[in-house]
Structures are given as C-alpha cells and as structure tokens.
Amino acid sequence: MKTRTHDYDVTLTWTGNHGAGTSAYNTYGREHEVSTAGTPTILGSADPAFRGDPTRWNPEQLQVAALSQCHMLWYLNLAAEAGVVVTAYEDNAHGVMAQDSRGAGQFESVTLRPRVTIAADSDPDVAERLHSKVPEVCFIARSVNFPVHHEPTIVVVPRGTPAGP
C-alpha cells in the first residue's frame, strides 16, 4: 500500500510583548495568534494557571478539541458506512494534565463524552460499538501517548420526529 503524506502549515505569532519583552517571567504576556491561509485566526494564550488570558484558547484546550473533532469526524464516517443515521452529535470532552515538581506537565488522559442522536431505524448497539473502532483510525488519537476514553450516550429519535434542524 502506498503511503500518502499530508502537510499542515500553521503560523504562530506572539503578540504578548508588553514593552519589556521577556525580561522577567511576569513582564510578558502569553497572548499569541494561530493562523493559516484561508481560516479565521485563533486567539491563543497560556492556561490561566500559567499567567494566561482566560478569554483565549490555550494549547491544552486545543489538544482536547483536536481529539474530540477527530473522533467525531471518523465516527460520522463509520456510522455512514454502517448504515447508522446520525442526526445530532455533541461531545463534552474532558482532559486531565498533571505537573511534576519541576513544573513540567503532560496529559494523563482525555475522556470523550459524545451524545449521539440517531434515527429510529438505526441500530443503537451498532451506534455505540462504532465508538470503539474510532481509535484505530483517528489520526490524532493514534498520535498521542496517553489514554483516550469514550463514554458515549446514544439517543434514538422517536419515529415521526424530523431528522434534522
């Protein structure tokens, strides 16, 4: 099988120089912008625990979001292939990061909690089982070195209910 590669270019621009640069830990801001051609800029910062701006995305939130997005996109693909008609999907994902005494940290785990609504004619057991197949193919989940747990909830739309918004 031929291997294909995909390239992803992102520009990160630090915007937190408040006049003194990094002359001391508390003199500079953690604000930055993440951009790429053709998409809206993401306003980023550090986690508020590390002097970051709580109104901006931090890298840890983006890591959890990337896992949640990848899981959803692969799940929808697998559902379509399996004949499961998904009419709504929402995930309340949660990540846990631990810091050691030096201040270094790493994720211990991420738990995805997708609430998936399926059409009345779809099999809820198949819909639930598909979540366990996603980690085999999700690019982001296959790239992390910590466990990603899944706690799905499957809701079946009663017959006669409109399928979408």
Protein backbone atom coordinates (compact mmCIF):
# COMPACT_ATOMS: atom_id res chain seq x y z
CA MET A 1 0.00 0.00 0.00
CA LYS A 2 1.37 3.39 -0.98
CA THR A 3 1.87 5.86 1.87
CA ARG A 4 0.44 9.33 1.37
CA THR A 5 1.62 12.32 3.29
CA HIS A 6 -0.34 15.44 4.16
CA ASP A 7 1.29 18.72 5.09
CA TYR A 8 -0.14 21.24 7.55
CA ASP A 9 1.25 24.76 7.73
CA VAL A 10 0.42 26.97 10.70
CA THR A 11 1.81 30.37 11.61
CA LEU A 12 2.18 31.24 15.30
CA THR A 13 2.71 34.92 16.13
CA TRP A 14 3.48 36.02 19.68
CA THR A 15 1.61 39.25 20.49
CA GLY A 16 2.43 39.41 24.21
CA ASN A 17 5.40 41.78 24.26
CA HIS A 18 4.15 44.44 26.69
CA GLY A 19 7.23 46.59 26.18
CA ALA A 20 9.94 44.79 28.13
CA GLY A 21 9.94 41.51 26.22
CA THR A 22 10.86 38.53 28.35
CA SER A 23 13.00 40.49 30.80
CA ALA A 24 11.19 38.66 33.63
CA TYR A 25 8.58 35.90 33.95
CA ASN A 26 5.84 38.34 34.91
CA THR A 27 6.64 41.11 32.39
CA TYR A 28 5.39 39.46 29.22
CA GLY A 29 2.01 38.27 28.04
CA ARG A 30 1.23 34.81 26.79
CA GLU A 31 -1.02 36.13 24.02
CA HIS A 32 -0.46 34.78 20.54
CA GLU A 33 -2.27 34.16 17.29
CA VAL A 34 -2.52 30.90 15.40
CA SER A 35 -3.27 31.26 11.72
CA THR A 36 -3.21 29.54 8.40
CA ALA A 37 -4.25 30.67 4.95
CA GLY A 38 -7.99 30.97 4.46
CA THR A 39 -9.21 30.39 8.01
CA PRO A 40 -10.08 32.67 10.92
CA THR A 41 -7.25 33.39 13.33
CA ILE A 42 -7.35 31.59 16.68
CA LEU A 43 -6.55 33.86 19.60
CA GLY A 44 -4.35 31.87 21.96
CA SER A 45 -2.73 32.25 25.35
CA ALA A 46 -1.49 30.06 28.16
CA ASP A 47 -3.77 28.36 30.64
CA PRO A 48 -4.79 30.94 33.28
CA ALA A 49 -2.81 28.88 35.82
CA PHE A 50 0.30 29.91 33.89
CA ARG A 51 -0.48 33.63 33.63
CA GLY A 52 -2.62 33.20 30.55
CA ASP A 53 -5.67 35.08 29.34
CA PRO A 54 -8.82 33.09 30.20
CA THR A 55 -10.69 34.63 27.23
CA ARG A 56 -8.35 32.94 24.72
CA TRP A 57 -7.81 29.32 23.73
CA ASN A 58 -4.85 27.58 25.34
CA PRO A 59 -2.83 24.68 23.87
CA GLU A 60 -4.30 22.18 26.33
CA GLN A 61 -7.86 23.06 25.31
CA LEU A 62 -6.88 22.81 21.65
CA GLN A 63 -5.41 19.33 22.26
CA VAL A 64 -8.70 18.14 23.79
CA ALA A 65 -10.65 19.84 20.97
CA ALA A 66 -8.50 18.14 18.32
CA LEU A 67 -9.16 14.72 19.85
CA SER A 68 -12.89 15.42 20.06
CA GLN A 69 -13.04 16.69 16.47
CA CYS A 70 -11.08 13.77 15.06
CA HIS A 71 -13.23 11.27 16.94
CA MET A 72 -16.44 12.88 15.70
CA LEU A 73 -15.33 13.04 12.08
CA TRP A 74 -14.25 9.40 12.00
CA TYR A 75 -17.36 8.32 13.93
CA LEU A 76 -19.64 10.01 11.38
CA ASN A 77 -17.73 8.27 8.58
CA LEU A 78 -18.02 4.85 10.24
CA ALA A 79 -21.70 5.46 11.02
CA ALA A 80 -22.46 6.27 7.39
CA GLU A 81 -20.65 3.10 6.28
CA ALA A 82 -22.55 1.00 8.86
CA GLY A 83 -25.97 2.40 7.96
CA VAL A 84 -26.37 4.32 11.22
CA VAL A 85 -28.09 7.64 10.53
CA VAL A 86 -26.70 10.24 12.93
CA THR A 87 -28.91 13.32 13.23
CA ALA A 88 -27.03 15.16 16.01
CA TYR A 89 -23.68 14.89 17.79
CA GLU A 90 -22.29 16.81 20.75
CA ASP A 91 -19.26 15.99 22.87
CA ASN A 92 -18.40 17.34 26.31
CA ALA A 93 -14.76 16.26 26.33
CA HIS A 94 -12.53 16.46 29.41
CA GLY A 95 -8.74 16.34 29.62
CA VAL A 96 -6.55 15.84 32.67
CA MET A 97 -2.99 17.16 32.75
CA ALA A 98 -0.55 16.61 35.63
CA GLN A 99 2.50 18.68 36.55
CA ASP A 100 5.58 17.41 38.31
CA SER A 101 7.67 19.27 40.90
CA ARG A 102 9.77 20.91 38.14
CA GLY A 103 6.67 22.39 36.52
CA ALA A 104 6.78 20.07 33.51
CA GLY A 105 3.45 18.54 32.64
CA GLN A 106 1.76 16.01 30.43
CA PHE A 107 -1.72 14.80 29.75
CA GLU A 108 -2.77 11.80 31.82
CA SER A 109 -5.96 11.16 29.87
CA VAL A 110 -8.79 12.60 27.84
CA THR A 111 -12.37 11.41 28.16
CA LEU A 112 -14.74 11.98 25.26
CA ARG A 113 -18.43 12.04 26.16
CA PRO A 114 -20.26 12.16 22.85
CA ARG A 115 -24.04 12.37 22.90
CA VAL A 116 -25.12 10.92 19.58
CA THR A 117 -28.68 11.13 18.31
CA ILE A 118 -29.62 8.54 15.69
CA ALA A 119 -32.68 7.94 13.53
CA ALA A 120 -35.32 5.49 14.76
CA ASP A 121 -34.40 2.91 12.11
CA SER A 122 -30.74 2.84 13.16
CA ASP A 123 -29.33 0.18 15.49
CA PRO A 124 -28.29 1.75 18.84
CA ASP A 125 -25.98 -1.18 19.65
CA VAL A 126 -24.06 -0.68 16.41
CA ALA A 127 -24.01 3.08 17.02
CA GLU A 128 -22.41 2.51 20.43
CA ARG A 129 -19.90 -0.09 19.21
CA LEU A 130 -18.63 2.21 16.47
CA HIS A 131 -17.01 4.42 19.11
CA SER A 132 -14.58 1.63 19.96
CA LYS A 133 -13.48 1.41 16.31
CA VAL A 134 -12.59 5.10 16.01
CA PRO A 135 -9.24 4.92 17.90
CA GLU A 136 -7.95 2.51 15.25
CA VAL A 137 -8.26 5.19 12.56
CA CYS A 138 -8.38 8.63 14.22
CA PHE A 139 -5.15 10.41 13.27
CA ILE A 140 -4.97 12.46 16.47
CA ALA A 141 -5.82 9.62 18.88
CA ARG A 142 -3.19 7.43 17.19
CA SER A 143 -0.62 10.19 17.74
CA VAL A 144 -0.94 10.79 21.48
CA ASN A 145 0.83 8.87 24.26
CA PHE A 146 -1.98 8.89 26.83
CA PRO A 147 -5.30 7.05 27.04
CA VAL A 148 -8.38 8.46 25.36
CA HIS A 149 -11.53 7.11 26.99
CA HIS A 150 -15.02 7.06 25.47
CA GLU A 151 -18.28 7.42 27.38
CA PRO A 152 -20.89 7.66 24.61
CA THR A 153 -24.59 8.21 25.07
CA ILE A 154 -26.85 7.09 22.24
CA VAL A 155 -30.25 8.72 21.85
CA VAL A 156 -32.76 7.30 19.38
CA VAL A 157 -35.11 9.78 17.73
CA PRO A 158 -38.70 8.53 18.04
CA ARG A 159 -40.41 7.59 14.78
CA GLY A 160 -42.10 10.51 13.08
CA THR A 161 -39.69 13.08 14.51
CA PRO A 162 -37.96 15.29 11.90
CA ALA A 163 -34.37 14.13 11.27
CA GLY A 164 -32.57 17.44 11.33
CA PRO A 165 -32.59 21.13 12.07
